[in-house]
């Protein structure tokens, strides 16, 4: 009797094992959240300004992420999904504008302005650090200064002669 019970339990366990393996289905080909967010981070929410689709909390963005998930499950590529959103909402949904037409200015203008500013700063720094050369005063101009000066002309002559001596010493 013990053998019959043991045999019955063994057969029952064997049958349960076989039955349970028949109901185990292969995992569906459902894209993970990471795969969906990989595509969504390259798109911006058409409703919320400047919000990437992968972090936007609105219900509309949740629905758009579901659309991405569905299209990934259908086997579409990232580029095909982005094109789908561009077809419906325009280029503004792309995180990086396409490099066509006037959009090239977005890529060319900022570096060009920075380069131009650097060149202007360099030239101005050179001009600021370069010592200015004093122009020599001609005899005619000296006499004009002396005649137009008010006050004692002898003190002006002393000053000019002292200045000339100092300049000769430097040269």
N, C-alpha and C. Protein backbone atom coordinates (compact mmCIF):
# COMPACT_ATOMS: atom_id res chain seq x y z
N UNK A 1 0.81 -1.18 0.00
CA UNK A 1 0.00 0.00 0.00
C UNK A 1 0.86 1.25 0.00
N UNK A 2 1.97 1.18 0.70
CA UNK A 2 2.86 2.32 0.73
C UNK A 2 3.43 2.57 -0.64
N UNK A 3 3.72 1.51 -1.36
CA UNK A 3 4.26 1.68 -2.70
C UNK A 3 3.23 2.30 -3.63
N UNK A 4 1.99 1.93 -3.46
CA UNK A 4 0.94 2.47 -4.31
C UNK A 4 0.77 3.96 -4.06
N UNK A 5 0.83 4.38 -2.82
CA UNK A 5 0.69 5.80 -2.49
C UNK A 5 1.90 6.57 -3.03
N UNK A 6 3.06 6.01 -2.83
CA UNK A 6 4.27 6.67 -3.30
C UNK A 6 4.28 6.75 -4.82
N UNK A 7 3.85 5.68 -5.45
CA UNK A 7 3.77 5.65 -6.91
C UNK A 7 2.75 6.67 -7.40
N UNK A 8 1.62 6.76 -6.72
CA UNK A 8 0.57 7.71 -7.09
C UNK A 8 1.08 9.15 -6.95
N UNK A 9 1.78 9.46 -5.87
CA UNK A 9 2.31 10.80 -5.65
C UNK A 9 3.35 11.15 -6.71
N UNK A 10 4.20 10.16 -7.05
CA UNK A 10 5.20 10.39 -8.07
C UNK A 10 4.57 10.67 -9.43
N UNK A 11 3.57 9.89 -9.79
CA UNK A 11 2.88 10.09 -11.07
C UNK A 11 2.14 11.42 -11.07
N UNK A 12 1.51 11.77 -9.97
CA UNK A 12 0.80 13.05 -9.86
C UNK A 12 1.78 14.22 -9.99
N UNK A 13 2.92 14.15 -9.35
CA UNK A 13 3.93 15.21 -9.45
C UNK A 13 4.47 15.30 -10.87
N UNK A 14 4.68 14.16 -11.51
CA UNK A 14 5.15 14.14 -12.88
C UNK A 14 4.13 14.78 -13.82
N UNK A 15 2.87 14.44 -13.66
CA UNK A 15 1.81 15.01 -14.49
C UNK A 15 1.67 16.52 -14.27
N UNK A 16 1.76 16.95 -13.03
CA UNK A 16 1.68 18.40 -12.74
C UNK A 16 2.85 19.14 -13.37
N UNK A 17 4.02 18.53 -13.37
CA UNK A 17 5.19 19.15 -13.99
C UNK A 17 4.99 19.29 -15.48
N UNK A 18 4.48 18.25 -16.11
CA UNK A 18 4.25 18.29 -17.56
C UNK A 18 3.17 19.31 -17.89
N UNK A 19 2.10 19.32 -17.14
CA UNK A 19 0.99 20.25 -17.41
C UNK A 19 1.44 21.70 -17.22
N UNK A 20 2.19 21.97 -16.16
CA UNK A 20 2.61 23.35 -15.89
C UNK A 20 3.58 23.86 -16.96
N UNK A 21 4.38 22.98 -17.55
CA UNK A 21 5.30 23.44 -18.59
C UNK A 21 4.57 23.72 -19.90
N UNK A 22 3.42 23.10 -20.09
CA UNK A 22 2.66 23.37 -21.31
C UNK A 22 2.04 24.76 -21.29
N UNK A 23 1.77 25.30 -20.13
CA UNK A 23 1.14 26.60 -20.02
C UNK A 23 2.15 27.74 -19.93
N UNK A 24 3.39 27.44 -19.86
CA UNK A 24 4.42 28.49 -19.82
C UNK A 24 4.65 28.99 -21.24
N UNK A 25 4.28 30.22 -21.46
CA UNK A 25 4.41 30.82 -22.79
C UNK A 25 5.74 31.55 -22.90
N UNK A 26 6.21 31.66 -24.11
CA UNK A 26 7.41 32.45 -24.35
C UNK A 26 7.08 33.92 -24.12
N UNK A 27 8.05 34.67 -23.65
CA UNK A 27 7.84 36.08 -23.36
C UNK A 27 7.52 36.82 -24.66
N UNK A 28 6.50 37.68 -24.60
CA UNK A 28 6.14 38.48 -25.76
C UNK A 28 7.28 39.42 -26.10
N UNK A 29 7.34 39.84 -27.36
CA UNK A 29 8.39 40.74 -27.80
C UNK A 29 7.96 42.18 -27.53
N UNK A 30 7.81 42.51 -26.23
CA UNK A 30 7.40 43.84 -25.82
C UNK A 30 8.66 44.63 -25.48
N UNK A 31 8.86 45.79 -26.10
CA UNK A 31 10.05 46.60 -25.82
C UNK A 31 10.06 47.07 -24.36
N UNK A 32 11.24 47.16 -23.80
CA UNK A 32 11.38 47.63 -22.42
C UNK A 32 11.25 49.15 -22.37
N UNK A 33 11.11 49.66 -21.15
CA UNK A 33 11.04 51.11 -20.97
C UNK A 33 12.32 51.79 -21.43
N UNK A 34 13.45 51.12 -21.23
CA UNK A 34 14.73 51.70 -21.67
C UNK A 34 14.77 51.85 -23.19
N UNK A 35 14.26 50.86 -23.89
CA UNK A 35 14.23 50.94 -25.36
C UNK A 35 13.30 52.05 -25.82
N UNK A 36 12.16 52.19 -25.16
CA UNK A 36 11.21 53.24 -25.51
C UNK A 36 11.82 54.61 -25.22
N UNK A 37 12.47 54.75 -24.06
CA UNK A 37 13.07 56.04 -23.68
C UNK A 37 14.26 56.39 -24.56
N UNK A 38 14.93 55.38 -25.11
CA UNK A 38 16.03 55.65 -26.04
C UNK A 38 15.53 56.41 -27.27
N UNK A 39 14.34 56.04 -27.74
CA UNK A 39 13.74 56.75 -28.89
C UNK A 39 13.12 58.06 -28.42
N UNK A 40 12.45 58.02 -27.25
CA UNK A 40 11.71 59.19 -26.76
C UNK A 40 12.63 60.35 -26.40
N UNK A 41 13.87 60.08 -25.99
CA UNK A 41 14.75 61.19 -25.61
C UNK A 41 15.18 62.01 -26.82
N UNK A 42 15.03 61.48 -28.01
CA UNK A 42 15.35 62.23 -29.22
C UNK A 42 14.17 63.04 -29.74
N UNK A 43 13.05 62.97 -29.03
CA UNK A 43 11.84 63.70 -29.44
C UNK A 43 11.40 64.64 -28.32
N UNK A 44 10.79 65.73 -28.71
CA UNK A 44 10.26 66.68 -27.75
C UNK A 44 8.74 66.64 -27.78
N UNK A 45 8.16 66.90 -26.64
CA UNK A 45 6.70 66.88 -26.52
C UNK A 45 6.11 67.98 -27.40
N UNK A 46 5.17 67.65 -28.28
CA UNK A 46 4.55 68.67 -29.12
C UNK A 46 3.65 69.63 -28.34
N UNK A 47 3.23 69.23 -27.15
CA UNK A 47 2.34 70.06 -26.34
C UNK A 47 3.13 70.95 -25.38
N UNK A 48 4.03 70.34 -24.61
CA UNK A 48 4.85 71.07 -23.64
C UNK A 48 6.09 71.60 -24.34
N UNK A 49 6.43 72.86 -24.12
CA UNK A 49 7.60 73.42 -24.78
C UNK A 49 8.87 72.99 -24.07
N UNK A 50 9.88 72.63 -24.86
CA UNK A 50 11.22 72.29 -24.38
C UNK A 50 11.23 71.17 -23.35
N UNK A 51 10.37 70.19 -23.52
CA UNK A 51 10.34 69.03 -22.62
C UNK A 51 10.55 67.77 -23.44
N UNK A 52 11.63 67.03 -23.16
CA UNK A 52 11.84 65.78 -23.89
C UNK A 52 10.71 64.80 -23.60
N UNK A 53 10.37 64.01 -24.58
CA UNK A 53 9.25 63.08 -24.49
C UNK A 53 9.49 62.01 -23.43
N UNK A 54 10.74 61.67 -23.16
CA UNK A 54 11.01 60.60 -22.20
C UNK A 54 10.80 61.02 -20.75
N UNK A 55 10.75 62.33 -20.46
CA UNK A 55 10.55 62.78 -19.08
C UNK A 55 9.27 63.60 -18.89
N UNK A 56 8.53 63.82 -19.94
CA UNK A 56 7.31 64.62 -19.85
C UNK A 56 6.24 63.85 -19.09
N UNK A 57 5.63 64.45 -18.07
CA UNK A 57 4.67 63.72 -17.24
C UNK A 57 3.22 63.77 -17.74
N UNK A 58 2.94 64.44 -18.85
CA UNK A 58 1.55 64.59 -19.28
C UNK A 58 0.99 63.28 -19.83
N UNK A 59 -0.31 63.20 -19.84
CA UNK A 59 -0.99 61.99 -20.35
C UNK A 59 -0.75 61.84 -21.85
N UNK A 60 -0.68 62.95 -22.56
CA UNK A 60 -0.42 62.89 -24.00
C UNK A 60 0.94 62.26 -24.27
N UNK A 61 1.94 62.62 -23.49
CA UNK A 61 3.28 62.05 -23.68
C UNK A 61 3.30 60.57 -23.33
N UNK A 62 2.51 60.19 -22.34
CA UNK A 62 2.41 58.75 -22.01
C UNK A 62 1.83 57.99 -23.20
N UNK A 63 0.84 58.58 -23.84
CA UNK A 63 0.24 57.94 -25.02
C UNK A 63 1.25 57.88 -26.17
N UNK A 64 2.05 58.93 -26.34
CA UNK A 64 3.04 58.93 -27.41
C UNK A 64 4.14 57.90 -27.15
N UNK A 65 4.50 57.72 -25.85
CA UNK A 65 5.47 56.67 -25.53
C UNK A 65 4.87 55.29 -25.82
N UNK A 66 3.56 55.14 -25.60
CA UNK A 66 2.89 53.87 -25.95
C UNK A 66 2.93 53.65 -27.46
N UNK A 67 2.77 54.72 -28.24
CA UNK A 67 2.87 54.61 -29.70
C UNK A 67 4.28 54.15 -30.08
N UNK A 68 5.27 54.72 -29.42
CA UNK A 68 6.66 54.31 -29.68
C UNK A 68 6.84 52.84 -29.35
N UNK A 69 6.31 52.41 -28.20
CA UNK A 69 6.41 51.01 -27.79
C UNK A 69 5.78 50.09 -28.83
N UNK A 70 4.59 50.47 -29.32
CA UNK A 70 3.88 49.67 -30.33
C UNK A 70 4.70 49.58 -31.61
N UNK A 71 5.25 50.72 -32.03
CA UNK A 71 6.02 50.72 -33.28
C UNK A 71 7.33 49.93 -33.14
N UNK A 72 7.94 49.99 -31.96
CA UNK A 72 9.13 49.17 -31.73
C UNK A 72 8.79 47.68 -31.77
N UNK A 73 7.62 47.33 -31.21
CA UNK A 73 7.19 45.93 -31.23
C UNK A 73 6.92 45.47 -32.66
N UNK A 74 6.51 46.39 -33.52
CA UNK A 74 6.28 46.06 -34.93
C UNK A 74 7.58 45.95 -35.71
N UNK A 75 8.71 46.31 -35.06
CA UNK A 75 10.00 46.17 -35.72
C UNK A 75 10.50 47.43 -36.39
N UNK A 76 9.86 48.57 -36.14
CA UNK A 76 10.31 49.82 -36.77
C UNK A 76 11.58 50.32 -36.10
N UNK A 77 12.39 51.03 -36.87
CA UNK A 77 13.65 51.58 -36.35
C UNK A 77 13.40 52.94 -35.71
N UNK A 78 14.42 53.42 -35.00
CA UNK A 78 14.34 54.73 -34.36
C UNK A 78 14.07 55.82 -35.39
N UNK A 79 14.75 55.75 -36.54
CA UNK A 79 14.58 56.76 -37.58
C UNK A 79 13.16 56.75 -38.15
N UNK A 80 12.59 55.56 -38.32
CA UNK A 80 11.22 55.46 -38.85
C UNK A 80 10.22 56.04 -37.85
N UNK A 81 10.44 55.80 -36.58
CA UNK A 81 9.54 56.33 -35.55
C UNK A 81 9.65 57.85 -35.49
N UNK A 82 10.89 58.36 -35.55
CA UNK A 82 11.06 59.82 -35.54
C UNK A 82 10.39 60.45 -36.76
N UNK A 83 10.51 59.80 -37.91
CA UNK A 83 9.87 60.31 -39.12
C UNK A 83 8.35 60.31 -38.98
N UNK A 84 7.81 59.30 -38.30
CA UNK A 84 6.37 59.24 -38.05
C UNK A 84 5.92 60.48 -37.27
N UNK A 85 6.66 60.83 -36.21
CA UNK A 85 6.30 62.00 -35.41
C UNK A 85 6.52 63.30 -36.18
N UNK A 86 7.57 63.36 -37.00
CA UNK A 86 7.82 64.56 -37.81
C UNK A 86 6.69 64.74 -38.83
N UNK A 87 6.20 63.64 -39.39
CA UNK A 87 5.10 63.73 -40.36
C UNK A 87 3.85 64.32 -39.72
N UNK A 88 3.59 63.97 -38.47
CA UNK A 88 2.38 64.47 -37.81
C UNK A 88 2.55 65.83 -37.14
N UNK A 89 3.74 66.10 -36.56
CA UNK A 89 3.89 67.31 -35.75
C UNK A 89 4.93 68.29 -36.27
N UNK A 90 5.67 67.91 -37.27
CA UNK A 90 6.68 68.81 -37.83
C UNK A 90 8.05 68.62 -37.19
N UNK A 91 9.02 69.39 -37.70
CA UNK A 91 10.40 69.28 -37.22
C UNK A 91 10.58 69.70 -35.77
N UNK A 92 9.63 70.44 -35.23
CA UNK A 92 9.79 70.95 -33.87
C UNK A 92 9.81 69.86 -32.82
N UNK A 93 9.37 68.63 -33.15
CA UNK A 93 9.39 67.54 -32.18
C UNK A 93 10.76 66.90 -32.07
N UNK A 94 11.67 67.20 -32.99
CA UNK A 94 13.00 66.60 -32.95
C UNK A 94 13.89 67.35 -31.96
N UNK A 95 14.66 66.59 -31.19
CA UNK A 95 15.59 67.22 -30.25
C UNK A 95 16.72 67.91 -31.00
N UNK A 96 17.10 67.38 -32.14
CA UNK A 96 18.14 67.97 -32.97
C UNK A 96 17.53 68.29 -34.32
N UNK A 97 17.47 69.59 -34.69
CA UNK A 97 16.85 69.95 -35.96
C UNK A 97 17.60 69.32 -37.14
N UNK A 98 16.89 68.99 -38.21
CA UNK A 98 17.56 68.41 -39.37
C UNK A 98 18.50 69.44 -40.01
N UNK A 99 19.59 68.98 -40.57
CA UNK A 99 20.61 69.87 -41.13
C UNK A 99 20.30 70.17 -42.60
N UNK A 100 19.19 70.84 -42.80
CA UNK A 100 18.78 71.22 -44.15
C UNK A 100 18.27 72.65 -44.13
N UNK A 101 18.34 73.31 -45.26
CA UNK A 101 17.79 74.66 -45.40
C UNK A 101 18.41 75.64 -44.43
N UNK A 102 17.57 76.48 -43.82
CA UNK A 102 18.04 77.49 -42.88
C UNK A 102 18.46 76.90 -41.54
N UNK A 103 18.14 75.64 -41.30
CA UNK A 103 18.55 75.00 -40.04
C UNK A 103 20.07 74.91 -39.93
N UNK A 104 20.79 75.00 -41.06
CA UNK A 104 22.25 74.99 -41.00
C UNK A 104 22.78 76.16 -40.19
N UNK A 105 22.03 77.27 -40.16
CA UNK A 105 22.47 78.43 -39.39
C UNK A 105 22.61 78.10 -37.92
N UNK A 106 21.79 77.19 -37.42
CA UNK A 106 21.86 76.79 -36.01
C UNK A 106 23.22 76.16 -35.72
N UNK A 107 23.79 75.49 -36.68
CA UNK A 107 25.06 74.81 -36.48
C UNK A 107 26.26 75.68 -36.84
N UNK A 108 26.09 76.62 -37.75
CA UNK A 108 27.21 77.43 -38.23
C UNK A 108 27.33 78.76 -37.50
N UNK A 109 26.21 79.42 -37.25
CA UNK A 109 26.24 80.78 -36.71
C UNK A 109 26.88 80.89 -35.32
N UNK A 110 26.52 80.09 -34.33
CA UNK A 110 27.15 80.25 -33.01
C UNK A 110 28.67 80.10 -33.02
N UNK A 111 29.24 79.07 -33.66
CA UNK A 111 30.70 79.01 -33.68
C UNK A 111 31.33 80.19 -34.43
N UNK A 112 30.68 80.66 -35.48
CA UNK A 112 31.21 81.79 -36.24
C UNK A 112 31.21 83.05 -35.38
N UNK A 113 30.16 83.28 -34.63
CA UNK A 113 30.08 84.46 -33.76
C UNK A 113 31.14 84.37 -32.66
N UNK A 114 31.33 83.19 -32.09
CA UNK A 114 32.34 83.02 -31.04
C UNK A 114 33.73 83.26 -31.61
N UNK A 115 33.99 82.75 -32.80
CA UNK A 115 35.30 82.95 -33.43
C UNK A 115 35.54 84.43 -33.74
N UNK A 116 34.54 85.11 -34.27
CA UNK A 116 34.66 86.54 -34.56
C UNK A 116 34.91 87.34 -33.28
N UNK A 117 34.19 87.00 -32.22
CA UNK A 117 34.41 87.68 -30.94
C UNK A 117 35.81 87.45 -30.40
N UNK A 118 36.33 86.24 -30.55
CA UNK A 118 37.68 85.95 -30.08
C UNK A 118 38.71 86.75 -30.86
N UNK A 119 38.52 86.87 -32.18
CA UNK A 119 39.45 87.66 -33.00
C UNK A 119 39.40 89.13 -32.59
N UNK A 120 38.20 89.68 -32.39
CA UNK A 120 38.08 91.08 -31.97
C UNK A 120 38.72 91.32 -30.61
N UNK A 121 38.50 90.40 -29.67
CA UNK A 121 39.12 90.54 -28.36
C UNK A 121 40.64 90.49 -28.46
N UNK A 122 41.16 89.58 -29.26
CA UNK A 122 42.60 89.46 -29.43
C UNK A 122 43.18 90.76 -29.98
N UNK A 123 42.55 91.31 -31.00
CA UNK A 123 43.04 92.56 -31.60
C UNK A 123 42.96 93.72 -30.59
N UNK A 124 41.88 93.79 -29.83
CA UNK A 124 41.75 94.86 -28.84
C UNK A 124 42.76 94.70 -27.71
N UNK A 125 43.01 93.48 -27.27
CA UNK A 125 44.02 93.28 -26.23
C UNK A 125 45.40 93.72 -26.73
N UNK A 126 45.69 93.45 -27.99
CA UNK A 126 46.97 93.89 -28.55
C UNK A 126 47.05 95.42 -28.54
N UNK A 127 45.96 96.08 -28.93
CA UNK A 127 45.95 97.54 -28.96
C UNK A 127 46.06 98.13 -27.56
N UNK A 128 45.44 97.48 -26.57
CA UNK A 128 45.47 98.00 -25.21
C UNK A 128 46.85 97.84 -24.58
N UNK A 129 47.53 96.75 -24.90
CA UNK A 129 48.82 96.49 -24.27
C UNK A 129 49.98 97.14 -25.00
N UNK A 130 49.77 97.59 -26.22
CA UNK A 130 50.84 98.22 -27.01
C UNK A 130 51.05 99.65 -26.49
N UNK A 131 52.31 100.01 -26.14
CA UNK A 131 52.53 101.38 -25.63
C UNK A 131 52.37 102.41 -26.75
N UNK A 132 51.79 103.52 -26.39
CA UNK A 132 51.58 104.57 -27.38
C UNK A 132 52.84 105.42 -27.47
N UNK A 133 53.24 105.71 -28.68
CA UNK A 133 54.45 106.50 -28.92
C UNK A 133 54.10 107.97 -28.86
N UNK A 134 54.87 108.71 -28.05
CA UNK A 134 54.64 110.15 -27.94
C UNK A 134 55.20 110.83 -29.19
N UNK A 135 54.41 111.70 -29.74
CA UNK A 135 54.85 112.41 -30.93
C UNK A 135 55.73 113.59 -30.52
N UNK A 136 56.76 113.82 -31.31
CA UNK A 136 57.64 114.95 -30.99
C UNK A 136 56.95 116.24 -31.40
N UNK A 137 57.21 117.23 -30.64
CA UNK A 137 56.60 118.53 -30.87
C UNK A 137 57.58 119.38 -31.68
N UNK A 138 57.09 119.94 -32.77
CA UNK A 138 57.97 120.77 -33.61
C UNK A 138 58.17 122.14 -32.96
N UNK A 139 59.18 122.83 -33.43
CA UNK A 139 59.49 124.17 -32.88
C UNK A 139 58.32 125.13 -33.08
N UNK A 140 57.66 125.04 -34.22
CA UNK A 140 56.54 125.93 -34.50
C UNK A 140 55.42 125.70 -33.50
N UNK A 141 55.13 124.41 -33.25
CA UNK A 141 54.06 124.10 -32.30
C UNK A 141 54.44 124.53 -30.90
N UNK A 142 55.74 124.41 -30.57
CA UNK A 142 56.21 124.83 -29.26
C UNK A 142 56.02 126.34 -29.08
N UNK A 143 56.33 127.08 -30.11
CA UNK A 143 56.17 128.52 -30.01
C UNK A 143 54.70 128.91 -29.93
N UNK A 144 53.85 128.15 -30.63
CA UNK A 144 52.40 128.39 -30.55
C UNK A 144 51.90 128.16 -29.14
N UNK A 145 52.41 127.09 -28.51
CA UNK A 145 51.99 126.78 -27.14
C UNK A 145 52.46 127.87 -26.20
N UNK A 146 53.70 128.34 -26.41
CA UNK A 146 54.23 129.38 -25.53
C UNK A 146 53.49 130.70 -25.71
N UNK A 147 53.16 131.02 -26.93
CA UNK A 147 52.46 132.29 -27.15
C UNK A 147 51.02 132.25 -26.66
N UNK A 148 50.42 131.07 -26.74
CA UNK A 148 49.02 130.99 -26.30
C UNK A 148 48.90 130.78 -24.80
N UNK A 149 49.98 130.40 -24.15
CA UNK A 149 49.89 130.15 -22.71
C UNK A 149 49.79 131.47 -21.97
N UNK A 150 48.99 131.46 -20.98
CA UNK A 150 48.80 132.66 -20.17
C UNK A 150 49.69 132.52 -18.96
N UNK A 151 50.23 133.55 -18.52
CA UNK A 151 51.07 133.50 -17.33
C UNK A 151 52.51 133.75 -17.69
N UNK A 152 53.38 133.30 -16.85
CA UNK A 152 54.81 133.56 -16.97
C UNK A 152 55.41 132.70 -18.06
N UNK A 153 56.00 133.32 -19.13
CA UNK A 153 56.60 132.57 -20.22
C UNK A 153 57.94 131.99 -19.82
N UNK A 154 58.63 132.57 -18.86
CA UNK A 154 59.91 132.03 -18.43
C UNK A 154 59.72 130.69 -17.72
N UNK A 155 58.66 130.53 -16.98
CA UNK A 155 58.41 129.24 -16.31
C UNK A 155 58.05 128.18 -17.35
N UNK A 156 57.35 128.59 -18.42
CA UNK A 156 57.02 127.64 -19.49
C UNK A 156 58.28 127.24 -20.22
N UNK A 157 59.21 128.19 -20.44
CA UNK A 157 60.47 127.87 -21.10
C UNK A 157 61.29 126.91 -20.25
N UNK A 158 61.31 127.12 -18.95
CA UNK A 158 62.03 126.23 -18.06
C UNK A 158 61.45 124.81 -18.14
N UNK A 159 60.15 124.77 -18.13
CA UNK A 159 59.48 123.47 -18.18
C UNK A 159 59.82 122.74 -19.48
N UNK A 160 59.79 123.44 -20.61
CA UNK A 160 60.06 122.83 -21.91
C UNK A 160 61.51 122.39 -21.99
N UNK A 161 62.42 123.23 -21.52
CA UNK A 161 63.83 122.85 -21.58
C UNK A 161 64.10 121.65 -20.68
N UNK A 162 63.48 121.59 -19.52
CA UNK A 162 63.63 120.44 -18.63
C UNK A 162 63.07 119.18 -19.27
N UNK A 163 61.94 119.31 -19.94
CA UNK A 163 61.32 118.18 -20.62
C UNK A 163 62.20 117.67 -21.75
N UNK A 164 62.78 118.58 -22.50
CA UNK A 164 63.67 118.19 -23.59
C UNK A 164 64.90 117.46 -23.07
N UNK A 165 65.46 117.92 -21.95
CA UNK A 165 66.62 117.26 -21.37
C UNK A 165 66.29 115.84 -20.93
N UNK A 166 65.13 115.68 -20.33
CA UNK A 166 64.71 114.34 -19.87
C UNK A 166 64.51 113.40 -21.07
N UNK A 167 63.97 113.91 -22.14
CA UNK A 167 63.77 113.10 -23.32
C UNK A 167 65.10 112.70 -23.97
N UNK A 168 66.08 113.59 -23.96
CA UNK A 168 67.39 113.28 -24.50
C UNK A 168 68.08 112.19 -23.68
N UNK A 169 67.89 112.23 -22.38
CA UNK A 169 68.50 111.24 -21.49
C UNK A 169 67.93 109.83 -21.77
N UNK A 170 66.67 109.77 -22.09
CA UNK A 170 66.00 108.47 -22.36
C UNK A 170 66.49 107.86 -23.66
N UNK A 171 66.75 108.71 -24.65
CA UNK A 171 67.18 108.21 -25.95
C UNK A 171 68.61 107.87 -25.88
